[in-house]
């Protein structure tokens, strides 16, 4: 419990008035001083006992697209045998504050409150902890009690409707390239080998077992499937802050569409982030979580991270999301490693043009870029 600024001012003024009344013999000043001191004492007695309640807070949902509604649900229960006076609950979401007025609660009763959380900016927002506060009617004293756990609200980038494009790699040593995603979930027979403990019984090869006199199993390997790589330029020079947010939305929209279509995807940034995942809803969530926290950097090492220009990882389609005023020379290493190269450049220049074997789409914002992208791949 502590006095507020107003309470301290009243206490000091009351003491001064009472002292002036005593020294000067003014009954009015003594009365005013007594009233002030009495008000402060009453405020202390009203707030000395903090709220005795249990509080639970949940987020619905805990992941939301930027601009969509996200609600916090607050359940307050009076666990005591006496009435709980009204009090305030203060919650924080990033830099913003929410105040909820909790009404008077009877013994063993519960009340539920809902309030909106800020979702206007992309990011991972820490919500909480809650602070329960009881004040006297005059605002002279307060009693604050931190309670509850913190929660995390993921505000994902805004997604725009779009289609996806992928490209394949050789599925067998005797089969050429394929972009047929009906192969998804299949497996290739690589060899037949002796059974070891832990092998799937359903993979037993009975003909080989009969021929060799020992248990033999089929050795499967997952085939290469159609896949999509997205490179997001995080450099500040080609992408101002506002344009970078549009670029993040483009990357999120393309990856979400491809992941939900079941394609294997990979996200890289020029700063070095490298995340790969198989298709599906969980994969799309991983990509959106990563794009939720991606930031720009002043790295001047170039657009392409080493992971794209070295090693054996290559093939499939790649989409580069960058500024509209990039240089074609940056793309040269990609043309020999990927069967399909598309550049989505954001900035004041508009149009669609092939450059050095790559498809280049220039647009002012994410909506226009993805509309052109959908028209081209359609």
Protein backbone atom coordinates (compact mmCIF):
# COMPACT_ATOMS: atom_id res chain seq x y z
CA UNK A 1 0.00 0.00 0.00
CA UNK A 2 1.24 3.51 -0.80
CA UNK A 3 -0.09 7.03 -1.08
CA UNK A 4 -0.67 8.45 -4.53
CA UNK A 5 0.65 11.82 -5.60
CA UNK A 6 -2.69 13.32 -4.69
CA UNK A 7 -2.59 11.62 -1.28
CA UNK A 8 0.87 12.99 -0.54
CA UNK A 9 -0.23 16.48 -1.56
CA UNK A 10 -3.32 16.27 0.68
CA UNK A 11 -1.25 14.97 3.59
CA UNK A 12 1.33 17.78 3.28
CA UNK A 13 -1.36 20.45 2.86
CA UNK A 14 -3.34 19.12 5.80
CA UNK A 15 -0.26 19.17 8.04
CA UNK A 16 0.58 22.71 6.98
CA UNK A 17 -2.99 23.91 7.51
CA UNK A 18 -3.21 22.34 10.93
CA UNK A 19 0.15 23.83 11.97
CA UNK A 20 -0.90 27.27 10.73
CA UNK A 21 -4.13 26.99 12.67
CA UNK A 22 -2.31 26.10 15.85
CA UNK A 23 0.28 28.86 15.48
CA UNK A 24 -2.13 31.57 14.41
CA UNK A 25 -5.13 30.46 16.40
CA UNK A 26 -7.34 29.95 13.35
CA UNK A 27 -9.98 27.27 14.00
CA UNK A 28 -10.87 27.03 10.31
CA UNK A 29 -7.34 26.00 9.37
CA UNK A 30 -7.28 23.44 12.19
CA UNK A 31 -10.56 22.02 10.91
CA UNK A 32 -9.29 21.84 7.33
CA UNK A 33 -6.10 20.14 8.49
CA UNK A 34 -8.09 17.63 10.51
CA UNK A 35 -10.36 16.85 7.55
CA UNK A 36 -7.36 16.30 5.31
CA UNK A 37 -5.61 14.02 7.77
CA UNK A 38 -8.84 12.10 8.33
CA UNK A 39 -9.33 11.62 4.58
CA UNK A 40 -5.80 10.23 4.18
CA UNK A 41 -6.28 7.88 7.15
CA UNK A 42 -9.59 6.64 5.74
CA UNK A 43 -7.94 6.04 2.35
CA UNK A 44 -5.19 3.98 4.00
CA UNK A 45 -7.74 1.86 5.90
CA UNK A 46 -9.74 1.20 2.72
CA UNK A 47 -6.76 0.10 0.66
CA UNK A 48 -4.51 -1.61 3.19
CA UNK A 49 -6.16 -4.94 2.36
CA UNK A 50 -5.47 -5.90 -1.23
CA UNK A 51 -7.78 -7.97 -3.44
CA UNK A 52 -7.94 -11.63 -2.37
CA UNK A 53 -8.92 -13.32 -5.61
CA UNK A 54 -7.64 -15.87 -8.13
CA UNK A 55 -7.12 -14.59 -11.66
CA UNK A 56 -6.71 -16.48 -14.95
CA UNK A 57 -6.03 -14.86 -18.30
CA UNK A 58 -6.15 -16.55 -21.69
CA UNK A 59 -5.55 -15.30 -25.24
CA UNK A 60 -7.95 -16.10 -28.08
CA UNK A 61 -6.19 -16.72 -30.39
CA UNK A 62 -2.54 -16.58 -29.38
CA UNK A 63 -1.53 -16.19 -33.04
CA UNK A 64 -3.29 -13.66 -35.22
CA UNK A 65 -2.79 -11.93 -38.53
CA UNK A 66 -1.91 -8.26 -38.29
CA UNK A 67 -5.05 -6.17 -38.02
CA UNK A 68 -7.29 -9.08 -36.97
CA UNK A 69 -8.98 -9.19 -33.57
CA UNK A 70 -7.25 -10.84 -30.62
CA UNK A 71 -9.02 -11.04 -27.26
CA UNK A 72 -7.81 -11.54 -23.72
CA UNK A 73 -10.26 -13.37 -21.47
CA UNK A 74 -9.93 -12.55 -17.78
CA UNK A 75 -11.58 -14.82 -15.19
CA UNK A 76 -11.65 -13.41 -11.66
CA UNK A 77 -12.85 -15.58 -8.78
CA UNK A 78 -13.45 -14.59 -5.16
CA UNK A 79 -12.04 -17.50 -3.18
CA UNK A 80 -12.92 -16.00 0.21
CA UNK A 81 -16.02 -16.13 2.35
CA UNK A 82 -16.67 -12.39 2.34
CA UNK A 83 -17.51 -9.83 -0.32
CA UNK A 84 -14.65 -8.40 -2.35
CA UNK A 85 -14.93 -4.65 -3.05
CA UNK A 86 -14.49 -3.47 -6.64
CA UNK A 87 -10.96 -2.97 -7.94
CA UNK A 88 -9.04 -2.45 -11.20
CA UNK A 89 -6.98 -4.94 -13.18
CA UNK A 90 -4.15 -3.51 -15.30
CA UNK A 91 -2.71 -5.57 -18.13
CA UNK A 92 0.13 -4.74 -20.50
CA UNK A 93 0.58 -5.76 -24.12
CA UNK A 94 3.95 -4.54 -25.32
CA UNK A 95 3.99 -0.80 -24.73
CA UNK A 96 0.21 -0.47 -24.45
CA UNK A 97 -1.82 -0.72 -21.23
CA UNK A 98 -5.32 -2.03 -20.63
CA UNK A 99 -7.46 -1.25 -17.58
CA UNK A 100 -10.41 -3.45 -16.62
CA UNK A 101 -12.82 -2.48 -13.87
CA UNK A 102 -13.66 -5.56 -11.77
CA UNK A 103 -17.04 -5.28 -10.14
CA UNK A 104 -17.83 -6.23 -6.55
CA UNK A 105 -17.70 -10.00 -6.09
CA UNK A 106 -19.69 -12.10 -3.65
CA UNK A 107 -18.27 -15.09 -1.75
CA UNK A 108 -17.13 -17.92 -4.07
CA UNK A 109 -18.35 -16.08 -7.17
CA UNK A 110 -16.66 -15.56 -10.53
CA UNK A 111 -16.78 -12.89 -13.23
CA UNK A 112 -15.44 -12.98 -16.80
CA UNK A 113 -14.14 -9.97 -18.71
CA UNK A 114 -12.87 -9.64 -22.29
CA UNK A 115 -10.80 -6.91 -23.88
CA UNK A 116 -9.00 -6.44 -27.17
CA UNK A 117 -5.24 -6.59 -27.56
CA UNK A 118 -3.25 -4.40 -29.98
CA UNK A 119 -2.59 -6.11 -33.34
CA UNK A 120 -1.76 -3.13 -35.54
CA UNK A 121 1.95 -4.00 -35.71
CA UNK A 122 3.71 -7.23 -36.61
CA UNK A 123 5.71 -8.79 -33.80
CA UNK A 124 5.86 -11.05 -30.79
CA UNK A 125 4.11 -9.24 -27.96
CA UNK A 126 4.54 -10.12 -24.30
CA UNK A 127 1.20 -9.80 -22.49
CA UNK A 128 1.26 -9.26 -18.74
CA UNK A 129 1.86 -9.68 -15.94
CA UNK A 130 -1.45 -8.51 -14.52
CA UNK A 131 -1.54 -5.94 -11.74
CA UNK A 132 -4.53 -5.78 -9.41
CA UNK A 133 -5.08 -2.34 -7.94
CA UNK A 134 -7.44 -1.09 -5.27
CA UNK A 135 -7.92 2.67 -4.76
CA UNK A 136 -10.03 4.69 -2.39
CA UNK A 137 -12.84 6.82 -3.92
CA UNK A 138 -10.76 10.01 -3.64
CA UNK A 139 -7.63 8.46 -5.19
CA UNK A 140 -5.43 9.22 -2.19
CA UNK A 141 -3.99 5.72 -1.66
CA UNK A 142 -3.62 2.53 -3.66
CA UNK A 143 -2.63 -1.08 -3.17
CA UNK A 144 -1.06 -2.88 -6.13
CA UNK A 145 -0.57 -6.63 -6.41
CA UNK A 146 1.21 -8.20 -9.42
CA UNK A 147 -0.34 -11.56 -10.24
CA UNK A 148 -0.70 -14.11 -12.99
CA UNK A 149 1.70 -15.31 -15.65
CA UNK A 150 2.81 -13.63 -18.82
CA UNK A 151 1.60 -14.84 -22.21
CA UNK A 152 2.85 -14.36 -25.75
CA UNK A 153 0.75 -12.96 -28.57
CA UNK A 154 2.16 -13.60 -32.05
CA UNK A 155 1.03 -10.95 -34.52
CA UNK A 156 1.81 -12.49 -37.90
CA UNK A 157 2.34 -10.49 -41.09
CA UNK A 158 -0.76 -9.73 -43.10
CA UNK A 159 -1.37 -12.35 -45.78
CA UNK A 160 -2.73 -11.71 -49.25
CA UNK A 161 -4.51 -14.20 -51.52
CA UNK A 162 -2.06 -15.78 -53.93
CA UNK A 163 -1.18 -18.93 -55.78
CA UNK A 164 1.97 -20.96 -55.41
CA UNK A 165 4.56 -22.29 -57.80
CA UNK A 166 7.05 -25.09 -57.22
CA UNK A 167 9.52 -27.08 -59.26
CA UNK A 168 10.74 -30.62 -58.89
CA UNK A 169 13.98 -32.55 -58.83
CA UNK A 170 14.77 -36.06 -60.08
CA UNK A 171 12.64 -38.57 -58.22
CA UNK A 172 14.55 -41.71 -59.22
CA UNK A 173 17.89 -42.17 -60.89
CA UNK A 174 15.99 -43.26 -64.00
CA UNK A 175 13.23 -40.66 -63.93
CA UNK A 176 13.58 -37.06 -65.06
CA UNK A 177 12.35 -33.88 -63.44
CA UNK A 178 8.82 -33.67 -62.15
CA UNK A 179 6.65 -30.99 -60.66
CA UNK A 180 3.79 -33.35 -59.81
CA UNK A 181 3.01 -32.88 -56.14
CA UNK A 182 0.92 -36.07 -56.17
CA UNK A 183 4.20 -37.75 -55.18
CA UNK A 184 3.82 -36.15 -51.77
CA UNK A 185 4.04 -38.74 -48.99
CA UNK A 186 5.45 -41.52 -51.20
CA UNK A 187 8.77 -43.33 -50.72
CA UNK A 188 11.30 -44.94 -53.02
CA UNK A 189 12.75 -48.40 -52.57
CA UNK A 190 16.50 -47.94 -52.34
CA UNK A 191 17.70 -51.42 -51.34
CA UNK A 192 16.89 -54.71 -49.63
CA UNK A 193 18.98 -55.41 -46.53
CA UNK A 194 19.07 -57.79 -43.53
CA UNK A 195 16.55 -57.15 -40.77
CA UNK A 196 17.76 -55.40 -37.59
CA UNK A 197 15.87 -54.95 -34.35
CA UNK A 198 13.58 -51.95 -34.62
CA UNK A 199 12.78 -52.27 -38.33
CA UNK A 200 9.14 -52.15 -39.42
CA UNK A 201 7.76 -55.68 -39.75
CA UNK A 202 5.49 -54.51 -42.56
CA UNK A 203 8.62 -53.75 -44.62
CA UNK A 204 9.74 -57.39 -44.64
CA UNK A 205 10.61 -58.63 -48.13
CA UNK A 206 9.36 -62.24 -48.11
CA UNK A 207 10.81 -63.28 -51.47
CA UNK A 208 14.30 -62.10 -50.46
CA UNK A 209 13.84 -63.76 -47.06
CA UNK A 210 12.99 -67.10 -48.70
CA UNK A 211 15.89 -66.80 -51.11
CA UNK A 212 18.56 -65.91 -48.52
CA UNK A 213 17.31 -67.82 -45.51
CA UNK A 214 17.33 -64.73 -43.25
CA UNK A 215 14.89 -61.92 -42.63
CA UNK A 216 15.26 -59.17 -45.22
CA UNK A 217 13.55 -55.76 -45.21
CA UNK A 218 12.95 -53.10 -47.80
CA UNK A 219 15.06 -49.97 -47.28
CA UNK A 220 13.03 -46.90 -48.24
CA UNK A 221 14.13 -43.34 -48.83
CA UNK A 222 11.90 -40.30 -49.20
CA UNK A 223 11.87 -39.00 -52.75
CA UNK A 224 12.74 -35.46 -53.69
CA UNK A 225 9.48 -33.56 -53.92
CA UNK A 226 8.49 -30.23 -55.42
CA UNK A 227 9.75 -27.44 -53.22
CA UNK A 228 9.91 -23.70 -52.91
CA UNK A 229 12.64 -21.47 -51.51
CA UNK A 230 11.90 -17.87 -50.52
CA UNK A 231 14.73 -15.38 -49.98
CA UNK A 232 13.77 -12.22 -48.09
CA UNK A 233 16.08 -9.23 -48.43
CA UNK A 234 16.58 -7.74 -44.95
CA UNK A 235 19.05 -5.02 -45.95
CA UNK A 236 18.05 -1.44 -45.20
CA UNK A 237 19.54 0.06 -48.36
CA UNK A 238 17.18 -1.47 -50.96
CA UNK A 239 14.15 -1.59 -48.64
CA UNK A 240 13.07 1.35 -46.46
CA UNK A 241 11.27 0.38 -43.26
CA UNK A 242 7.74 0.78 -44.67
CA UNK A 243 8.61 -1.12 -47.85
CA UNK A 244 10.26 -3.86 -45.80
CA UNK A 245 6.94 -4.53 -44.06
CA UNK A 246 5.37 -4.99 -47.50
CA UNK A 247 8.20 -7.39 -48.39
CA UNK A 248 7.55 -9.44 -45.25
CA UNK A 249 3.87 -9.68 -46.23
CA UNK A 250 4.86 -10.93 -49.69
CA UNK A 251 7.13 -13.62 -48.22
CA UNK A 252 4.48 -14.66 -45.70
CA UNK A 253 1.77 -14.92 -48.37
CA UNK A 254 3.89 -17.01 -50.74
CA UNK A 255 5.17 -19.35 -48.03
CA UNK A 256 1.73 -19.78 -46.47
CA UNK A 257 0.16 -20.70 -49.80
CA UNK A 258 2.93 -23.18 -50.64
CA UNK A 259 3.00 -24.79 -47.19
CA UNK A 260 -0.77 -25.19 -47.04
CA UNK A 261 -0.60 -26.80 -50.49
CA UNK A 262 1.69 -29.41 -48.93
CA UNK A 263 4.97 -28.37 -50.56
CA UNK A 264 8.32 -28.44 -48.84
CA UNK A 265 9.48 -24.87 -48.28
CA UNK A 266 12.55 -23.02 -47.13
CA UNK A 267 12.90 -19.46 -45.88
CA UNK A 268 16.20 -17.61 -46.00
CA UNK A 269 17.11 -14.00 -45.33
CA UNK A 270 20.12 -12.03 -46.47
CA UNK A 271 21.06 -11.74 -42.78
CA UNK A 272 21.50 -15.53 -42.51
CA UNK A 273 18.18 -16.92 -41.27
CA UNK A 274 17.60 -20.41 -42.69
CA UNK A 275 14.42 -22.35 -41.91
CA UNK A 276 13.13 -25.37 -43.81
CA UNK A 277 10.01 -27.42 -43.14
CA UNK A 278 7.79 -29.96 -44.90
CA UNK A 279 4.37 -28.89 -46.07
CA UNK A 280 1.33 -28.61 -43.85
CA UNK A 281 -0.32 -26.36 -41.30
CA UNK A 282 2.47 -26.76 -38.74
CA UNK A 283 5.08 -25.77 -41.31
CA UNK A 284 3.12 -22.66 -42.27
CA UNK A 285 2.95 -21.69 -38.61
CA UNK A 286 6.73 -22.07 -38.25
CA UNK A 287 7.32 -19.76 -41.19
CA UNK A 288 4.82 -17.17 -39.97
CA UNK A 289 6.36 -17.22 -36.49
CA UNK A 290 9.78 -16.60 -37.99
CA UNK A 291 8.49 -13.77 -40.18
CA UNK A 292 6.74 -12.36 -37.13
CA UNK A 293 10.09 -11.46 -35.55
CA UNK A 294 12.33 -10.88 -38.58
CA UNK A 295 14.08 -7.51 -38.55
CA UNK A 296 16.19 -5.47 -40.90
CA UNK A 297 19.95 -5.22 -40.55
CA UNK A 298 22.68 -2.98 -41.91
CA UNK A 299 24.60 -5.97 -43.30
CA UNK A 300 26.41 -4.93 -46.47
CA UNK A 301 27.66 -8.40 -47.40
CA UNK A 302 25.13 -8.73 -50.23
CA UNK A 303 21.74 -10.12 -51.07
CA UNK A 304 22.59 -13.83 -51.29
CA UNK A 305 23.57 -15.72 -48.11
CA UNK A 306 26.28 -18.38 -48.42
CA UNK A 307 23.70 -21.15 -47.97
CA UNK A 308 22.31 -20.33 -51.44
CA UNK A 309 25.61 -20.25 -53.29
CA UNK A 310 27.53 -23.10 -51.64
CA UNK A 311 26.82 -26.71 -50.75
CA UNK A 312 24.61 -29.25 -52.43
CA UNK A 313 21.26 -27.74 -51.50
CA UNK A 314 19.64 -26.48 -54.66
CA UNK A 315 16.86 -27.27 -57.10
CA UNK A 316 13.20 -26.37 -57.21
CA UNK A 317 11.82 -22.87 -57.45
CA UNK A 318 13.14 -19.81 -55.68
CA UNK A 319 11.39 -16.48 -55.08
CA UNK A 320 13.52 -13.48 -54.15
CA UNK A 321 11.71 -10.65 -52.36
CA UNK A 322 13.77 -7.46 -52.51
CA UNK A 323 13.68 -3.80 -53.56
CA UNK A 324 12.82 -2.67 -57.08
CA UNK A 325 16.27 -1.19 -57.71
CA UNK A 326 18.40 -4.31 -57.26
CA UNK A 327 21.11 -5.39 -59.67
CA UNK A 328 20.75 -8.31 -62.04
CA UNK A 329 24.26 -9.51 -61.21
CA UNK A 330 23.11 -10.54 -57.74
CA UNK A 331 20.91 -13.23 -59.27
CA UNK A 332 23.52 -14.93 -61.46
CA UNK A 333 24.49 -17.67 -58.95
CA UNK A 334 20.83 -18.70 -58.63
CA UNK A 335 20.20 -19.30 -62.33
CA UNK A 336 22.36 -22.43 -62.46
CA UNK A 337 21.10 -23.83 -59.16
CA UNK A 338 17.32 -23.44 -59.45
CA UNK A 339 14.98 -24.46 -62.22
CA UNK A 340 12.73 -21.42 -61.66
CA UNK A 341 13.86 -18.00 -60.43
CA UNK A 342 11.36 -15.21 -59.69
CA UNK A 343 12.17 -11.78 -58.30
CA UNK A 344 9.48 -9.70 -56.62
CA UNK A 345 10.85 -6.16 -56.40
CA UNK A 346 9.01 -3.58 -54.31
CA UNK A 347 9.37 0.12 -55.02
CA UNK A 348 8.24 2.93 -57.31
CA UNK A 349 8.98 1.01 -60.54
CA UNK A 350 6.24 -1.18 -62.06
CA UNK A 351 6.13 -3.93 -64.64
CA UNK A 352 6.98 -7.54 -65.49
CA UNK A 353 10.11 -8.49 -67.42
CA UNK A 354 12.41 -11.52 -67.92
CA UNK A 355 16.06 -10.80 -67.07
CA UNK A 356 18.84 -13.35 -67.46
CA UNK A 357 16.39 -16.22 -67.41
CA UNK A 358 14.60 -14.98 -64.28
CA UNK A 359 11.05 -13.69 -64.02
CA UNK A 360 11.04 -10.18 -62.53
CA UNK A 361 7.91 -8.54 -61.11
CA UNK A 362 8.10 -4.90 -59.98
CA UNK A 363 5.30 -3.43 -57.88
CA UNK A 364 4.63 -0.65 -55.39
CA UNK A 365 3.29 -2.81 -52.57
CA UNK A 366 2.51 -6.36 -51.52
CA UNK A 367 -1.02 -6.40 -52.93
CA UNK A 368 0.07 -5.33 -56.41
CA UNK A 369 3.10 -7.65 -56.41
CA UNK A 370 1.04 -10.71 -55.53
CA UNK A 371 -1.69 -9.84 -58.02
CA UNK A 372 0.92 -9.71 -60.78
CA UNK A 373 2.55 -12.88 -59.44
CA UNK A 374 -0.78 -14.74 -59.51
CA UNK A 375 -1.44 -13.56 -63.06
CA UNK A 376 1.98 -14.61 -64.32
CA UNK A 377 2.07 -18.10 -62.78
CA UNK A 378 -1.59 -18.66 -63.64
